[in-house]
PDB file of N, CA and C in Angstrom:
ATOM      1  N   UNK A   1       0.861  -1.404   0.130  1.00  0.00           N
ATOM      2  CA  UNK A   1       0.096  -0.103  -0.323  1.00  0.00           C
ATOM      3  C   UNK A   1       0.949   1.355   0.034  1.00  0.00           C
ATOM      4  N   UNK A   2       0.295   2.489  -0.260  1.00  0.00           N
ATOM      5  CA  UNK A   2       0.891   3.786   0.071  1.00  0.00           C
ATOM      6  C   UNK A   2       1.443   3.737   1.261  1.00  0.00           C
ATOM      7  N   UNK A   3       2.907   4.311   1.838  1.00  0.00           N
ATOM      8  CA  UNK A   3       3.334   4.262   2.681  1.00  0.00           C
ATOM      9  C   UNK A   3       2.914   5.026   3.901  1.00  0.00           C
ATOM     10  N   UNK A   4       2.445   6.242   3.677  1.00  0.00           N
ATOM     11  CA  UNK A   4       1.420   6.952   4.696  1.00  0.00           C
ATOM     12  C   UNK A   4       0.271   6.141   4.961  1.00  0.00           C
ATOM     13  N   UNK A   5      -0.704   5.649   4.359  1.00  0.00           N
ATOM     14  CA  UNK A   5      -1.495   4.839   4.729  1.00  0.00           C
ATOM     15  C   UNK A   5      -1.197   3.638   5.356  1.00  0.00           C
ATOM     16  N   UNK A   6      -0.285   2.697   4.970  1.00  0.00           N
ATOM     17  CA  UNK A   6       0.242   1.914   5.843  1.00  0.00           C
ATOM     18  C   UNK A   6       0.468   2.486   7.235  1.00  0.00           C
ATOM     19  N   UNK A   7       1.581   3.239   7.341  1.00  0.00           N
ATOM     20  CA  UNK A   7       1.631   3.675   8.785  1.00  0.00           C
ATOM     21  C   UNK A   7       0.452   4.246   9.560  1.00  0.00           C
ATOM     22  N   UNK A   8      -0.307   5.105   9.191  1.00  0.00           N
ATOM     23  CA  UNK A   8      -1.388   5.478   9.839  1.00  0.00           C
ATOM     24  C   UNK A   8      -2.248   4.208  10.041  1.00  0.00           C
ATOM     25  N   UNK A   9      -2.299   2.921   9.318  1.00  0.00           N
ATOM     26  CA  UNK A   9      -3.028   1.902   9.877  1.00  0.00           C
ATOM     27  C   UNK A   9      -2.639   1.053  11.015  1.00  0.00           C
ATOM     28  N   UNK A  10      -0.991   1.088  10.779  1.00  0.00           N
ATOM     29  CA  UNK A  10      -0.451   0.617  12.028  1.00  0.00           C
ATOM     30  C   UNK A  10      -0.431   1.237  13.286  1.00  0.00           C
ATOM     31  N   UNK A  11      -0.581   2.570  13.018  1.00  0.00           N
ATOM     32  CA  UNK A  11      -0.602   3.554  14.310  1.00  0.00           C
ATOM     33  C   UNK A  11      -2.023   3.560  15.009  1.00  0.00           C
ATOM     34  N   UNK A  12      -2.821   3.106  14.408  1.00  0.00           N
ATOM     35  CA  UNK A  12      -4.158   3.067  15.128  1.00  0.00           C
ATOM     36  C   UNK A  12      -4.002   2.445  16.603  1.00  0.00           C
ATOM     37  N   UNK A  13      -3.492   1.331  16.245  1.00  0.00           N
ATOM     38  CA  UNK A  13      -3.157   0.611  17.766  1.00  0.00           C
ATOM     39  C   UNK A  13      -1.554   1.239  18.551  1.00  0.00           C
ATOM     40  N   UNK A  14      -1.297   2.008  17.951  1.00  0.00           N
ATOM     41  CA  UNK A  14       0.116   2.697  19.000  1.00  0.00           C
ATOM     42  C   UNK A  14      -0.181   3.689  19.869  1.00  0.00           C
ATOM     43  N   UNK A  15       0.675   3.710  20.582  1.00  0.00           N
ATOM     44  CA  UNK A  15       0.741   4.999  21.696  1.00  0.00           C
ATOM     45  C   UNK A  15       1.523   6.131  20.937  1.00  0.00           C
ATOM     46  N   UNK A  16       2.124   5.773  20.187  1.00  0.00           N
ATOM     47  CA  UNK A  16       3.180   6.781  19.974  1.00  0.00           C
ATOM     48  C   UNK A  16       3.613   6.489  18.562  1.00  0.00           C
ATOM     49  N   UNK A  17       3.731   7.256  17.490  1.00  0.00           N
ATOM     50  CA  UNK A  17       4.151   7.081  16.056  1.00  0.00           C
ATOM     51  C   UNK A  17       5.136   8.048  15.653  1.00  0.00           C
ATOM     52  N   UNK A  18       6.611   7.497  15.403  1.00  0.00           N
ATOM     53  CA  UNK A  18       7.540   8.356  15.166  1.00  0.00           C
ATOM     54  C   UNK A  18       7.680   8.174  13.790  1.00  0.00           C
ATOM     55  N   UNK A  19       7.770   9.169  13.393  1.00  0.00           N
ATOM     56  CA  UNK A  19       8.374   9.425  11.524  1.00  0.00           C
ATOM     57  C   UNK A  19       9.666  10.240  11.373  1.00  0.00           C
ATOM     58  N   UNK A  20      10.281  10.035  10.445  1.00  0.00           N
ATOM     59  CA  UNK A  20      11.406  10.998  10.175  1.00  0.00           C
ATOM     60  C   UNK A  20      11.236  11.764   9.444  1.00  0.00           C
ATOM     61  N   UNK A  21      12.068  12.814   9.176  1.00  0.00           N
ATOM     62  CA  UNK A  21      12.015  14.109   8.125  1.00  0.00           C
ATOM     63  C   UNK A  21      13.594  14.384   7.720  1.00  0.00           C
ATOM     64  N   UNK A  22      13.662  14.381   6.393  1.00  0.00           N
ATOM     65  CA  UNK A  22      15.078  14.584   5.834  1.00  0.00           C
ATOM     66  C   UNK A  22      15.161  16.365   5.695  1.00  0.00           C
ATOM     67  N   UNK A  23      14.053  17.130   6.038  1.00  0.00           N
ATOM     68  CA  UNK A  23      14.328  18.307   5.864  1.00  0.00           C
ATOM     69  C   UNK A  23      14.533  19.074   4.650  1.00  0.00           C
ATOM     70  N   UNK A  24      13.654  18.481   3.838  1.00  0.00           N
ATOM     71  CA  UNK A  24      14.075  19.120   2.195  1.00  0.00           C
ATOM     72  C   UNK A  24      13.300  20.232   2.470  1.00  0.00           C
ATOM     73  N   UNK A  25      13.261  21.478   1.451  1.00  0.00           N
ATOM     74  CA  UNK A  25      12.801  22.444   1.228  1.00  0.00           C
ATOM     75  C   UNK A  25      11.518  22.559   0.839  1.00  0.00           C
ATOM     76  N   UNK A  26      10.717  23.636   0.489  1.00  0.00           N
ATOM     77  CA  UNK A  26       9.219  23.752   0.085  1.00  0.00           C
ATOM     78  C   UNK A  26       9.180  22.863  -1.426  1.00  0.00           C
ATOM     79  N   UNK A  27       9.906  23.625  -1.950  1.00  0.00           N
ATOM     80  CA  UNK A  27      10.146  23.188  -3.643  1.00  0.00           C
ATOM     81  C   UNK A  27      10.262  21.673  -3.760  1.00  0.00           C
ATOM     82  N   UNK A  28      11.267  21.436  -3.040  1.00  0.00           N
ATOM     83  CA  UNK A  28      11.511  19.873  -3.088  1.00  0.00           C
ATOM     84  C   UNK A  28      10.650  18.994  -2.496  1.00  0.00           C
ATOM     85  N   UNK A  29       9.844  19.432  -1.586  1.00  0.00           N
ATOM     86  CA  UNK A  29       9.059  18.446  -0.829  1.00  0.00           C
ATOM     87  C   UNK A  29       7.653  18.661  -1.938  1.00  0.00           C
ATOM     88  N   UNK A  30       7.214  19.811  -2.470  1.00  0.00           N
ATOM     89  CA  UNK A  30       6.053  20.115  -3.462  1.00  0.00           C
ATOM     90  C   UNK A  30       6.670  18.873  -4.630  1.00  0.00           C
ATOM     91  N   UNK A  31       7.488  18.951  -5.019  1.00  0.00           N
ATOM     92  CA  UNK A  31       7.692  17.908  -6.170  1.00  0.00           C
ATOM     93  C   UNK A  31       7.914  16.424  -5.935  1.00  0.00           C
ATOM     94  N   UNK A  32       8.420  16.145  -4.744  1.00  0.00           N
ATOM     95  CA  UNK A  32       8.664  14.788  -4.579  1.00  0.00           C
ATOM     96  C   UNK A  32       7.442  14.044  -3.447  1.00  0.00           C
ATOM     97  N   UNK A  33       6.790  15.251  -2.477  1.00  0.00           N
ATOM     98  CA  UNK A  33       5.733  14.527  -1.822  1.00  0.00           C
ATOM     99  C   UNK A  33       6.788  14.536  -0.620  1.00  0.00           C
ATOM    100  N   UNK A  34       5.912  14.174   0.514  1.00  0.00           N
ATOM    101  CA  UNK A  34       6.496  14.118   2.149  1.00  0.00           C
ATOM    102  C   UNK A  34       5.281  13.046   2.774  1.00  0.00           C
ATOM    103  N   UNK A  35       6.038  12.042   3.132  1.00  0.00           N
ATOM    104  CA  UNK A  35       5.378  11.126   3.947  1.00  0.00           C
ATOM    105  C   UNK A  35       5.010  11.351   5.404  1.00  0.00           C
ATOM    106  N   UNK A  36       6.040  12.142   5.505  1.00  0.00           N
ATOM    107  CA  UNK A  36       5.895  12.422   7.056  1.00  0.00           C
ATOM    108  C   UNK A  36       4.550  13.721   7.109  1.00  0.00           C
ATOM    109  N   UNK A  37       4.659  14.675   5.993  1.00  0.00           N
ATOM    110  CA  UNK A  37       3.155  15.485   5.789  1.00  0.00           C
ATOM    111  C   UNK A  37       2.376  14.480   5.648  1.00  0.00           C
ATOM    112  N   UNK A  38       2.211  13.727   4.666  1.00  0.00           N
ATOM    113  CA  UNK A  38       0.558  13.219   4.529  1.00  0.00           C
ATOM    114  C   UNK A  38       0.430  12.285   6.052  1.00  0.00           C
ATOM    115  N   UNK A  39       1.492  11.846   6.710  1.00  0.00           N
ATOM    116  CA  UNK A  39       0.998  11.217   7.979  1.00  0.00           C
ATOM    117  C   UNK A  39       0.437  11.939   8.938  1.00  0.00           C
ATOM    118  N   UNK A  40       0.920  13.341   8.856  1.00  0.00           N
ATOM    119  CA  UNK A  40       0.444  14.461   9.941  1.00  0.00           C
ATOM    120  C   UNK A  40      -0.733  14.644   9.584  1.00  0.00           C
ATOM    121  N   UNK A  41      -1.467  14.628   8.419  1.00  0.00           N
ATOM    122  CA  UNK A  41      -2.951  15.124   7.687  1.00  0.00           C
ATOM    123  C   UNK A  41      -3.935  13.906   8.295  1.00  0.00           C
ATOM    124  N   UNK A  42      -3.235  12.819   8.462  1.00  0.00           N
ATOM    125  CA  UNK A  42      -4.239  11.950   8.673  1.00  0.00           C
ATOM    126  C   UNK A  42      -3.960  11.513  10.119  1.00  0.00           C
ATOM    127  N   UNK A  43      -3.841  11.954  11.340  1.00  0.00           N
ATOM    128  CA  UNK A  43      -3.452  11.496  12.473  1.00  0.00           C
ATOM    129  C   UNK A  43      -4.094  10.514  12.762  1.00  0.00           C
ATOM    130  N   UNK A  44      -3.561   9.482  12.828  1.00  0.00           N
ATOM    131  CA  UNK A  44      -4.090   7.984  13.858  1.00  0.00           C
ATOM    132  C   UNK A  44      -3.806   7.823  15.292  1.00  0.00           C
ATOM    133  N   UNK A  45      -2.615   8.594  15.553  1.00  0.00           N
ATOM    134  CA  UNK A  45      -2.184   8.584  17.011  1.00  0.00           C
ATOM    135  C   UNK A  45      -1.262   9.638  17.360  1.00  0.00           C
ATOM    136  N   UNK A  46      -0.835   9.842  18.833  1.00  0.00           N
ATOM    137  CA  UNK A  46       0.267  10.755  18.907  1.00  0.00           C
ATOM    138  C   UNK A  46       1.263  10.504  18.106  1.00  0.00           C
ATOM    139  N   UNK A  47       1.909  11.570  17.328  1.00  0.00           N
ATOM    140  CA  UNK A  47       2.735  11.584  16.312  1.00  0.00           C
ATOM    141  C   UNK A  47       3.999  12.358  16.577  1.00  0.00           C
ATOM    142  N   UNK A  48       5.482  12.054  16.243  1.00  0.00           N
ATOM    143  CA  UNK A  48       6.398  12.745  16.581  1.00  0.00           C
ATOM    144  C   UNK A  48       7.237  12.758  15.061  1.00  0.00           C
ATOM    145  N   UNK A  49       7.598  14.034  14.452  1.00  0.00           N
ATOM    146  CA  UNK A  49       8.366  14.056  13.666  1.00  0.00           C
ATOM    147  C   UNK A  49       9.766  14.309  14.056  1.00  0.00           C
ATOM    148  N   UNK A  50      10.996  13.286  13.766  1.00  0.00           N
ATOM    149  CA  UNK A  50      12.166  13.798  13.951  1.00  0.00           C
ATOM    150  C   UNK A  50      12.839  13.903  12.886  1.00  0.00           C
ATOM    151  N   UNK A  51      13.515  14.719  12.985  1.00  0.00           N
ATOM    152  CA  UNK A  51      15.085  15.188  12.237  1.00  0.00           C
ATOM    153  C   UNK A  51      16.172  14.699  12.286  1.00  0.00           C
TER     154      UNK A  51
END
C-alpha cells in the first residue's frame, strides 16, 4: 500500500508514532511529496516527526 496509509493503519493501535523527516525545502517537498506530511494530515495517534 501507500506508505502513509500503511503507517496510519498501524498507528491506530500504537501509543506513539515516530516518523523521520529529511528536512527538504518547500520546493523539493512539493515535487517529491512528503510521507511525514501526509501522516500528519491523517493522525491516527500521537505522532512525533524527528529530523
